[in-house]
Amino acid sequence: MHKEAANKLDYFILGATLAICAYLAQTNPYARVGINTETFLMVSLLIFAASAICGFKRIEATVTSLGLNLVALQQKDPAHREYFIALLKERKTPSRYYLARNYLLMLGLVAYLATKVWATYHSSGWILVN
């Protein structure tokens, strides 16, 4: 039940991240790359896209780990079983993608909000850019 719930959460977060990417890609204005609002909005979109990639890779790594677990459980020889269990314990890939995905989601949100705040102050003349 735990694995099923974790998989559903991964799918939901991946779907939400892809929806964020689609929304930003449709609504953000884009211009030449430079120190401007459009570039910072593009950077936040790229951060969210990197988070989506980590979400896909996490699902892939989880499926690979489950396959390795299945192979370990089917081994008749205890030495072979221990070998596969040791491989499973060494694999930290799904948890690394989990952390990367979550940190990138937070970073993307902070970058997007900071860009929106910066754009507001920039357009009202509080921040001078030459």
N, C-alpha and C. Protein backbone atom coordinates (compact mmCIF):
# COMPACT_ATOMS: atom_id res chain seq x y z
N MET A 1 0.82 -1.19 0.00
CA MET A 1 0.00 0.00 0.00
C MET A 1 0.87 1.26 0.00
N HIS A 2 1.98 1.19 0.74
CA HIS A 2 2.87 2.35 0.80
C HIS A 2 3.45 2.66 -0.57
N LYS A 3 3.91 1.64 -1.27
CA LYS A 3 4.51 1.84 -2.60
C LYS A 3 3.47 2.37 -3.58
N GLU A 4 2.25 1.87 -3.50
CA GLU A 4 1.19 2.35 -4.38
C GLU A 4 0.88 3.82 -4.12
N ALA A 5 0.81 4.20 -2.86
CA ALA A 5 0.54 5.60 -2.51
C ALA A 5 1.70 6.50 -2.95
N ALA A 6 2.92 6.03 -2.77
CA ALA A 6 4.09 6.81 -3.19
C ALA A 6 4.10 6.99 -4.71
N ASN A 7 3.74 5.95 -5.44
CA ASN A 7 3.66 6.04 -6.90
C ASN A 7 2.59 7.03 -7.35
N LYS A 8 1.44 7.00 -6.69
CA LYS A 8 0.38 7.94 -7.03
C LYS A 8 0.82 9.38 -6.76
N LEU A 9 1.52 9.59 -5.67
CA LEU A 9 2.03 10.92 -5.36
C LEU A 9 3.05 11.37 -6.41
N ASP A 10 3.93 10.47 -6.82
CA ASP A 10 4.90 10.80 -7.87
C ASP A 10 4.20 11.19 -9.17
N TYR A 11 3.19 10.43 -9.55
CA TYR A 11 2.45 10.73 -10.78
C TYR A 11 1.73 12.07 -10.67
N PHE A 12 1.14 12.34 -9.50
CA PHE A 12 0.43 13.60 -9.31
C PHE A 12 1.39 14.79 -9.39
N ILE A 13 2.52 14.69 -8.70
CA ILE A 13 3.49 15.78 -8.71
C ILE A 13 4.04 15.99 -10.11
N LEU A 14 4.31 14.91 -10.83
CA LEU A 14 4.79 15.03 -12.20
C LEU A 14 3.73 15.70 -13.09
N GLY A 15 2.49 15.30 -12.94
CA GLY A 15 1.41 15.93 -13.71
C GLY A 15 1.26 17.41 -13.40
N ALA A 16 1.34 17.75 -12.11
CA ALA A 16 1.24 19.16 -11.71
C ALA A 16 2.42 19.96 -12.25
N THR A 17 3.61 19.38 -12.22
CA THR A 17 4.79 20.07 -12.73
C THR A 17 4.69 20.29 -14.23
N LEU A 18 4.21 19.30 -14.95
CA LEU A 18 4.03 19.46 -16.40
C LEU A 18 2.95 20.50 -16.70
N ALA A 19 1.91 20.55 -15.86
CA ALA A 19 0.88 21.58 -16.05
C ALA A 19 1.45 22.97 -15.80
N ILE A 20 2.32 23.10 -14.80
CA ILE A 20 2.98 24.38 -14.54
C ILE A 20 3.83 24.78 -15.74
N CYS A 21 4.59 23.83 -16.26
CA CYS A 21 5.43 24.11 -17.43
C CYS A 21 4.58 24.57 -18.62
N ALA A 22 3.47 23.88 -18.86
CA ALA A 22 2.60 24.24 -19.98
C ALA A 22 2.00 25.63 -19.77
N TYR A 23 1.58 25.93 -18.55
CA TYR A 23 1.00 27.24 -18.25
C TYR A 23 2.03 28.35 -18.46
N LEU A 24 3.23 28.14 -17.91
CA LEU A 24 4.27 29.17 -18.05
C LEU A 24 4.70 29.34 -19.51
N ALA A 25 4.79 28.24 -20.23
CA ALA A 25 5.19 28.33 -21.64
C ALA A 25 4.15 29.10 -22.46
N GLN A 26 2.88 28.99 -22.09
CA GLN A 26 1.82 29.68 -22.83
C GLN A 26 1.68 31.14 -22.43
N THR A 27 1.85 31.44 -21.15
CA THR A 27 1.50 32.78 -20.67
C THR A 27 2.69 33.73 -20.53
N ASN A 28 3.90 33.20 -20.40
CA ASN A 28 5.05 34.08 -20.22
C ASN A 28 5.40 34.80 -21.52
N PRO A 29 5.71 36.09 -21.43
CA PRO A 29 6.23 36.78 -22.61
C PRO A 29 7.72 36.44 -22.74
N TYR A 30 8.21 36.39 -23.95
CA TYR A 30 9.62 36.08 -24.16
C TYR A 30 10.25 37.15 -25.03
N ALA A 31 11.50 37.44 -24.78
CA ALA A 31 12.24 38.47 -25.51
C ALA A 31 13.69 38.03 -25.60
N ARG A 32 14.54 38.93 -26.06
CA ARG A 32 15.96 38.61 -26.14
C ARG A 32 16.52 38.32 -24.75
N VAL A 33 17.48 37.42 -24.71
CA VAL A 33 18.11 37.05 -23.45
C VAL A 33 18.94 38.22 -22.95
N GLY A 34 18.76 38.53 -21.70
CA GLY A 34 19.48 39.63 -21.07
C GLY A 34 19.00 39.78 -19.63
N ILE A 35 19.31 40.88 -19.03
CA ILE A 35 18.84 41.13 -17.66
C ILE A 35 17.49 41.81 -17.78
N ASN A 36 16.47 40.98 -17.98
CA ASN A 36 15.11 41.49 -18.11
C ASN A 36 14.13 40.47 -17.55
N THR A 37 12.91 40.90 -17.41
CA THR A 37 11.87 40.06 -16.82
C THR A 37 11.64 38.79 -17.63
N GLU A 38 11.64 38.92 -18.94
CA GLU A 38 11.36 37.77 -19.80
C GLU A 38 12.39 36.67 -19.63
N THR A 39 13.66 37.06 -19.49
CA THR A 39 14.72 36.06 -19.29
C THR A 39 14.56 35.35 -17.96
N PHE A 40 14.23 36.11 -16.91
CA PHE A 40 14.05 35.49 -15.60
C PHE A 40 12.83 34.56 -15.58
N LEU A 41 11.79 34.91 -16.33
CA LEU A 41 10.64 34.02 -16.44
C LEU A 41 11.03 32.74 -17.18
N MET A 42 11.87 32.87 -18.19
CA MET A 42 12.33 31.69 -18.92
C MET A 42 13.18 30.79 -18.01
N VAL A 43 14.00 31.41 -17.15
CA VAL A 43 14.82 30.62 -16.22
C VAL A 43 13.92 29.85 -15.26
N SER A 44 12.87 30.48 -14.75
CA SER A 44 11.96 29.76 -13.86
C SER A 44 11.28 28.60 -14.59
N LEU A 45 10.93 28.80 -15.86
CA LEU A 45 10.35 27.71 -16.65
C LEU A 45 11.35 26.57 -16.81
N LEU A 46 12.60 26.90 -17.07
CA LEU A 46 13.63 25.86 -17.22
C LEU A 46 13.85 25.09 -15.92
N ILE A 47 13.75 25.78 -14.79
CA ILE A 47 13.88 25.10 -13.49
C ILE A 47 12.73 24.12 -13.30
N PHE A 48 11.52 24.55 -13.63
CA PHE A 48 10.37 23.64 -13.52
C PHE A 48 10.52 22.46 -14.49
N ALA A 49 11.05 22.70 -15.68
CA ALA A 49 11.26 21.62 -16.64
C ALA A 49 12.30 20.62 -16.11
N ALA A 50 13.35 21.13 -15.47
CA ALA A 50 14.35 20.23 -14.87
C ALA A 50 13.72 19.40 -13.76
N SER A 51 12.80 19.99 -13.01
CA SER A 51 12.09 19.25 -11.97
C SER A 51 11.24 18.14 -12.59
N ALA A 52 10.59 18.43 -13.71
CA ALA A 52 9.79 17.40 -14.39
C ALA A 52 10.68 16.26 -14.87
N ILE A 53 11.85 16.59 -15.38
CA ILE A 53 12.78 15.55 -15.83
C ILE A 53 13.18 14.67 -14.64
N CYS A 54 13.46 15.28 -13.50
CA CYS A 54 13.79 14.50 -12.30
C CYS A 54 12.61 13.63 -11.87
N GLY A 55 11.39 14.13 -12.06
CA GLY A 55 10.20 13.32 -11.75
C GLY A 55 10.11 12.10 -12.64
N PHE A 56 10.35 12.28 -13.94
CA PHE A 56 10.37 11.12 -14.85
C PHE A 56 11.46 10.14 -14.46
N LYS A 57 12.65 10.65 -14.18
CA LYS A 57 13.77 9.77 -13.83
C LYS A 57 13.51 9.04 -12.50
N ARG A 58 12.81 9.69 -11.56
CA ARG A 58 12.48 9.02 -10.30
C ARG A 58 11.54 7.85 -10.56
N ILE A 59 10.54 8.05 -11.39
CA ILE A 59 9.62 6.95 -11.70
C ILE A 59 10.36 5.81 -12.38
N GLU A 60 11.26 6.15 -13.30
CA GLU A 60 12.06 5.13 -13.98
C GLU A 60 12.95 4.38 -13.00
N ALA A 61 13.60 5.10 -12.09
CA ALA A 61 14.49 4.47 -11.11
C ALA A 61 13.69 3.60 -10.14
N THR A 62 12.49 4.01 -9.80
CA THR A 62 11.65 3.22 -8.90
C THR A 62 11.24 1.91 -9.57
N VAL A 63 10.88 1.98 -10.85
CA VAL A 63 10.50 0.76 -11.58
C VAL A 63 11.70 -0.19 -11.68
N THR A 64 12.88 0.37 -11.93
CA THR A 64 14.10 -0.45 -12.00
C THR A 64 14.38 -1.11 -10.65
N SER A 65 14.21 -0.37 -9.57
CA SER A 65 14.43 -0.94 -8.24
C SER A 65 13.43 -2.05 -7.94
N LEU A 66 12.18 -1.86 -8.34
CA LEU A 66 11.18 -2.91 -8.12
C LEU A 66 11.52 -4.17 -8.92
N GLY A 67 12.03 -3.99 -10.14
CA GLY A 67 12.45 -5.14 -10.94
C GLY A 67 13.62 -5.87 -10.30
N LEU A 68 14.55 -5.10 -9.77
CA LEU A 68 15.70 -5.71 -9.09
C LEU A 68 15.24 -6.46 -7.82
N ASN A 69 14.27 -5.90 -7.14
CA ASN A 69 13.72 -6.56 -5.96
C ASN A 69 13.03 -7.86 -6.34
N LEU A 70 12.31 -7.86 -7.45
CA LEU A 70 11.66 -9.08 -7.92
C LEU A 70 12.68 -10.16 -8.25
N VAL A 71 13.76 -9.76 -8.91
CA VAL A 71 14.82 -10.73 -9.25
C VAL A 71 15.43 -11.29 -7.96
N ALA A 72 15.64 -10.42 -6.97
CA ALA A 72 16.23 -10.88 -5.70
C ALA A 72 15.32 -11.88 -5.00
N LEU A 73 14.03 -11.61 -5.02
CA LEU A 73 13.10 -12.51 -4.33
C LEU A 73 12.94 -13.84 -5.04
N GLN A 74 13.23 -13.92 -6.33
CA GLN A 74 13.09 -15.16 -7.09
C GLN A 74 14.32 -16.05 -7.01
N GLN A 75 15.39 -15.57 -6.42
CA GLN A 75 16.63 -16.35 -6.35
C GLN A 75 16.49 -17.48 -5.33
N LYS A 76 16.86 -18.66 -5.75
CA LYS A 76 16.81 -19.82 -4.85
C LYS A 76 18.06 -19.87 -3.96
N ASP A 77 19.18 -19.49 -4.52
CA ASP A 77 20.44 -19.54 -3.79
C ASP A 77 20.52 -18.33 -2.85
N PRO A 78 20.73 -18.56 -1.56
CA PRO A 78 20.81 -17.44 -0.61
C PRO A 78 21.95 -16.46 -0.92
N ALA A 79 23.05 -16.95 -1.48
CA ALA A 79 24.17 -16.06 -1.80
C ALA A 79 23.77 -15.09 -2.92
N HIS A 80 23.06 -15.60 -3.91
CA HIS A 80 22.60 -14.73 -5.01
C HIS A 80 21.58 -13.72 -4.50
N ARG A 81 20.68 -14.21 -3.63
CA ARG A 81 19.67 -13.32 -3.06
C ARG A 81 20.34 -12.19 -2.27
N GLU A 82 21.34 -12.53 -1.48
CA GLU A 82 22.06 -11.51 -0.70
C GLU A 82 22.77 -10.51 -1.60
N TYR A 83 23.29 -11.00 -2.72
CA TYR A 83 23.96 -10.12 -3.68
C TYR A 83 22.98 -9.08 -4.22
N PHE A 84 21.79 -9.52 -4.64
CA PHE A 84 20.80 -8.59 -5.18
C PHE A 84 20.26 -7.65 -4.11
N ILE A 85 20.11 -8.15 -2.91
CA ILE A 85 19.65 -7.28 -1.81
C ILE A 85 20.71 -6.22 -1.51
N ALA A 86 21.97 -6.61 -1.57
CA ALA A 86 23.05 -5.63 -1.37
C ALA A 86 23.02 -4.57 -2.47
N LEU A 87 22.76 -4.99 -3.72
CA LEU A 87 22.63 -4.02 -4.81
C LEU A 87 21.48 -3.05 -4.56
N LEU A 88 20.37 -3.58 -4.05
CA LEU A 88 19.23 -2.72 -3.76
C LEU A 88 19.54 -1.71 -2.66
N LYS A 89 20.27 -2.16 -1.64
CA LYS A 89 20.61 -1.25 -0.55
C LYS A 89 21.57 -0.16 -0.99
N GLU A 90 22.44 -0.48 -1.96
CA GLU A 90 23.39 0.50 -2.47
C GLU A 90 22.72 1.56 -3.34
N ARG A 91 21.63 1.18 -4.00
CA ARG A 91 20.95 2.11 -4.92
C ARG A 91 20.28 3.22 -4.14
N LYS A 92 20.72 4.43 -4.39
CA LYS A 92 20.10 5.60 -3.78
C LYS A 92 19.46 6.49 -4.85
N THR A 93 19.40 5.99 -6.08
CA THR A 93 18.95 6.80 -7.21
C THR A 93 17.53 7.34 -7.03
N PRO A 94 16.53 6.53 -6.66
CA PRO A 94 15.19 7.10 -6.52
C PRO A 94 15.12 8.22 -5.49
N SER A 95 15.81 8.07 -4.38
CA SER A 95 15.76 9.11 -3.36
C SER A 95 16.50 10.37 -3.80
N ARG A 96 17.55 10.21 -4.60
CA ARG A 96 18.26 11.39 -5.12
C ARG A 96 17.37 12.18 -6.08
N TYR A 97 16.66 11.47 -6.95
CA TYR A 97 15.74 12.15 -7.86
C TYR A 97 14.58 12.79 -7.10
N TYR A 98 14.15 12.14 -6.03
CA TYR A 98 13.09 12.70 -5.18
C TYR A 98 13.52 14.04 -4.61
N LEU A 99 14.71 14.08 -4.03
CA LEU A 99 15.21 15.32 -3.45
C LEU A 99 15.43 16.39 -4.51
N ALA A 100 16.02 15.99 -5.63
CA ALA A 100 16.28 16.95 -6.70
C ALA A 100 14.97 17.53 -7.23
N ARG A 101 13.98 16.67 -7.44
CA ARG A 101 12.69 17.13 -7.94
C ARG A 101 12.05 18.14 -6.98
N ASN A 102 12.05 17.81 -5.70
CA ASN A 102 11.41 18.68 -4.72
C ASN A 102 12.16 20.01 -4.56
N TYR A 103 13.50 19.95 -4.52
CA TYR A 103 14.25 21.20 -4.40
C TYR A 103 14.09 22.07 -5.65
N LEU A 104 14.05 21.45 -6.81
CA LEU A 104 13.86 22.22 -8.04
C LEU A 104 12.46 22.83 -8.10
N LEU A 105 11.46 22.11 -7.60
CA LEU A 105 10.12 22.70 -7.53
C LEU A 105 10.10 23.93 -6.64
N MET A 106 10.72 23.83 -5.48
CA MET A 106 10.78 24.98 -4.58
C MET A 106 11.58 26.13 -5.19
N LEU A 107 12.70 25.80 -5.82
CA LEU A 107 13.53 26.83 -6.45
C LEU A 107 12.79 27.50 -7.60
N GLY A 108 12.06 26.72 -8.38
CA GLY A 108 11.28 27.28 -9.47
C GLY A 108 10.21 28.23 -8.97
N LEU A 109 9.54 27.86 -7.87
CA LEU A 109 8.52 28.73 -7.29
C LEU A 109 9.14 30.03 -6.78
N VAL A 110 10.27 29.92 -6.08
CA VAL A 110 10.95 31.11 -5.56
C VAL A 110 11.41 31.99 -6.73
N ALA A 111 11.96 31.38 -7.76
CA ALA A 111 12.44 32.16 -8.91
C ALA A 111 11.27 32.86 -9.60
N TYR A 112 10.16 32.19 -9.76
CA TYR A 112 9.00 32.79 -10.41
C TYR A 112 8.45 33.95 -9.59
N LEU A 113 8.28 33.73 -8.28
CA LEU A 113 7.76 34.79 -7.43
C LEU A 113 8.72 35.97 -7.34
N ALA A 114 10.01 35.69 -7.24
CA ALA A 114 11.00 36.77 -7.20
C ALA A 114 10.98 37.57 -8.49
N THR A 115 10.82 36.90 -9.61
CA THR A 115 10.75 37.59 -10.90
C THR A 115 9.53 38.48 -10.97
N LYS A 116 8.40 37.98 -10.50
CA LYS A 116 7.17 38.79 -10.52
C LYS A 116 7.31 40.02 -9.63
N VAL A 117 7.90 39.85 -8.44
CA VAL A 117 8.10 40.99 -7.54
C VAL A 117 9.10 41.96 -8.15
N TRP A 118 10.21 41.43 -8.69
CA TRP A 118 11.21 42.28 -9.32
C TRP A 118 10.63 43.06 -10.48
N ALA A 119 9.79 42.41 -11.29
CA ALA A 119 9.18 43.07 -12.45
C ALA A 119 8.26 44.20 -11.99
N THR A 120 7.56 44.00 -10.89
CA THR A 120 6.67 45.04 -10.38
C THR A 120 7.46 46.26 -9.96
N TYR A 121 8.54 46.05 -9.21
CA TYR A 121 9.35 47.19 -8.77
C TYR A 121 10.13 47.80 -9.93
N HIS A 122 10.55 46.99 -10.86
CA HIS A 122 11.29 47.49 -12.02
C HIS A 122 10.41 48.40 -12.88
N SER A 123 9.16 47.99 -13.09
CA SER A 123 8.27 48.78 -13.95
C SER A 123 7.80 50.05 -13.27
N SER A 124 7.84 50.10 -11.93
CA SER A 124 7.40 51.31 -11.24
C SER A 124 8.56 52.28 -10.97
N GLY A 125 9.77 51.89 -11.37
CA GLY A 125 10.91 52.79 -11.23
C GLY A 125 11.70 52.65 -9.94
N TRP A 126 11.38 51.67 -9.11
CA TRP A 126 12.11 51.49 -7.86
C TRP A 126 13.49 50.90 -8.11
N ILE A 127 13.60 50.06 -9.13
CA ILE A 127 14.89 49.46 -9.46
C ILE A 127 15.33 50.04 -10.79
N LEU A 128 16.48 50.67 -10.79
CA LEU A 128 16.98 51.29 -12.01
C LEU A 128 17.87 50.32 -12.76
N VAL A 129 17.60 50.16 -14.05
CA VAL A 129 18.43 49.32 -14.91
C VAL A 129 18.82 50.16 -16.10
N ASN A 130 20.11 50.24 -16.39
CA ASN A 130 20.59 51.02 -17.54
C ASN A 130 20.74 50.16 -18.75
